[in-house]
Amino acid sequence: MSLRPQGAGPPSIYVLDYSLILS
């Protein structure tokens, strides 16, 4: 699962963390 929001900033880091946890 690769989620990459348009806002390439702090939110992206949270999304990556979430992705890893959900994975």
PDB file of N, CA and C in Angstrom:
ATOM      1  N   MET A   1       0.854  -1.203   0.000  1.00  0.00           N
ATOM      2  CA  MET A   1       0.000   0.000   0.000  1.00  0.00           C
ATOM      3  C   MET A   1       0.881   1.242   0.000  1.00  0.00           C
ATOM      4  N   SER A   2       0.815   2.021  -1.057  1.00  0.00           N
ATOM      5  CA  SER A   2       1.636   3.234  -1.100  1.00  0.00           C
ATOM      6  C   SER A   2       0.729   4.452  -1.218  1.00  0.00           C
ATOM      7  N   LEU A   3       0.519   5.125  -0.091  1.00  0.00           N
ATOM      8  CA  LEU A   3      -0.349   6.313  -0.100  1.00  0.00           C
ATOM      9  C   LEU A   3       0.533   7.554  -0.108  1.00  0.00           C
ATOM     10  N   ARG A   4       0.367   8.378  -1.129  1.00  0.00           N
ATOM     11  CA  ARG A   4       1.203   9.595  -1.209  1.00  0.00           C
ATOM     12  C   ARG A   4       0.330  10.808  -1.481  1.00  0.00           C
ATOM     13  N   PRO A   5      -0.079  11.524  -0.426  1.00  0.00           N
ATOM     14  CA  PRO A   5      -0.911  12.713  -0.585  1.00  0.00           C
ATOM     15  C   PRO A   5      -0.166  13.826  -1.315  1.00  0.00           C
ATOM     16  N   GLN A   6      -0.919  14.753  -1.928  1.00  0.00           N
ATOM     17  CA  GLN A   6      -0.279  15.854  -2.664  1.00  0.00           C
ATOM     18  C   GLN A   6       0.614  16.674  -1.735  1.00  0.00           C
ATOM     19  N   GLY A   7       0.210  16.772  -0.468  1.00  0.00           N
ATOM     20  CA  GLY A   7       1.005  17.567   0.482  1.00  0.00           C
ATOM     21  C   GLY A   7       2.248  16.808   0.898  1.00  0.00           C
ATOM     22  N   ALA A   8       3.352  17.053   0.224  1.00  0.00           N
ATOM     23  CA  ALA A   8       4.592  16.328   0.557  1.00  0.00           C
ATOM     24  C   ALA A   8       5.258  17.003   1.751  1.00  0.00           C
ATOM     25  N   GLY A   9       4.826  16.619   2.949  1.00  0.00           N
ATOM     26  CA  GLY A   9       5.411  17.251   4.146  1.00  0.00           C
ATOM     27  C   GLY A   9       5.196  16.365   5.356  1.00  0.00           C
ATOM     28  N   PRO A  10       4.984  16.933   6.512  1.00  0.00           N
ATOM     29  CA  PRO A  10       4.785  16.183   7.757  1.00  0.00           C
ATOM     30  C   PRO A  10       3.699  15.112   7.598  1.00  0.00           C
ATOM     31  N   PRO A  11       2.547  15.444   6.994  1.00  0.00           N
ATOM     32  CA  PRO A  11       1.460  14.471   6.826  1.00  0.00           C
ATOM     33  C   PRO A  11       1.953  13.211   6.121  1.00  0.00           C
ATOM     34  N   SER A  12       2.800  13.385   5.133  1.00  0.00           N
ATOM     35  CA  SER A  12       3.291  12.231   4.361  1.00  0.00           C
ATOM     36  C   SER A  12       3.987  11.246   5.303  1.00  0.00           C
ATOM     37  N   ILE A  13       4.740  11.755   6.265  1.00  0.00           N
ATOM     38  CA  ILE A  13       5.454  10.885   7.200  1.00  0.00           C
ATOM     39  C   ILE A  13       4.442  10.065   7.993  1.00  0.00           C
ATOM     40  N   TYR A  14       3.382  10.723   8.464  1.00  0.00           N
ATOM     41  CA  TYR A  14       2.357  10.019   9.239  1.00  0.00           C
ATOM     42  C   TYR A  14       1.710   8.952   8.385  1.00  0.00           C
ATOM     43  N   VAL A  15       1.457   9.286   7.128  1.00  0.00           N
ATOM     44  CA  VAL A  15       0.817   8.323   6.216  1.00  0.00           C
ATOM     45  C   VAL A  15       1.706   7.106   6.050  1.00  0.00           C
ATOM     46  N   LEU A  16       3.001   7.332   5.901  1.00  0.00           N
ATOM     47  CA  LEU A  16       3.930   6.210   5.725  1.00  0.00           C
ATOM     48  C   LEU A  16       3.910   5.336   6.976  1.00  0.00           C
ATOM     49  N   ASP A  17       3.928   5.962   8.136  1.00  0.00           N
ATOM     50  CA  ASP A  17       3.902   5.200   9.388  1.00  0.00           C
ATOM     51  C   ASP A  17       2.637   4.366   9.451  1.00  0.00           C
ATOM     52  N   TYR A  18       1.516   4.992   9.098  1.00  0.00           N
ATOM     53  CA  TYR A  18       0.233   4.286   9.126  1.00  0.00           C
ATOM     54  C   TYR A  18       0.278   3.116   8.165  1.00  0.00           C
ATOM     55  N   SER A  19       0.826   3.349   6.994  1.00  0.00           N
ATOM     56  CA  SER A  19       0.908   2.297   5.969  1.00  0.00           C
ATOM     57  C   SER A  19       1.682   1.105   6.527  1.00  0.00           C
ATOM     58  N   LEU A  20       2.785   1.372   7.200  1.00  0.00           N
ATOM     59  CA  LEU A  20       3.604   0.289   7.742  1.00  0.00           C
ATOM     60  C   LEU A  20       2.836  -0.468   8.828  1.00  0.00           C
ATOM     61  N   ILE A  21       2.127   0.277   9.654  1.00  0.00           N
ATOM     62  CA  ILE A  21       1.371  -0.360  10.747  1.00  0.00           C
ATOM     63  C   ILE A  21       0.257  -1.227  10.155  1.00  0.00           C
ATOM     64  N   LEU A  22      -0.437  -0.684   9.163  1.00  0.00           N
ATOM     65  CA  LEU A  22      -1.552  -1.422   8.549  1.00  0.00           C
ATOM     66  C   LEU A  22      -1.023  -2.622   7.776  1.00  0.00           C
ATOM     67  N   SER A  23       0.139  -2.449   7.169  1.00  0.00           N
ATOM     68  CA  SER A  23       0.679  -3.536   6.348  1.00  0.00           C
ATOM     69  C   SER A  23       0.745  -4.778   7.192  1.00  0.00           C
TER      70      SER A  23
END
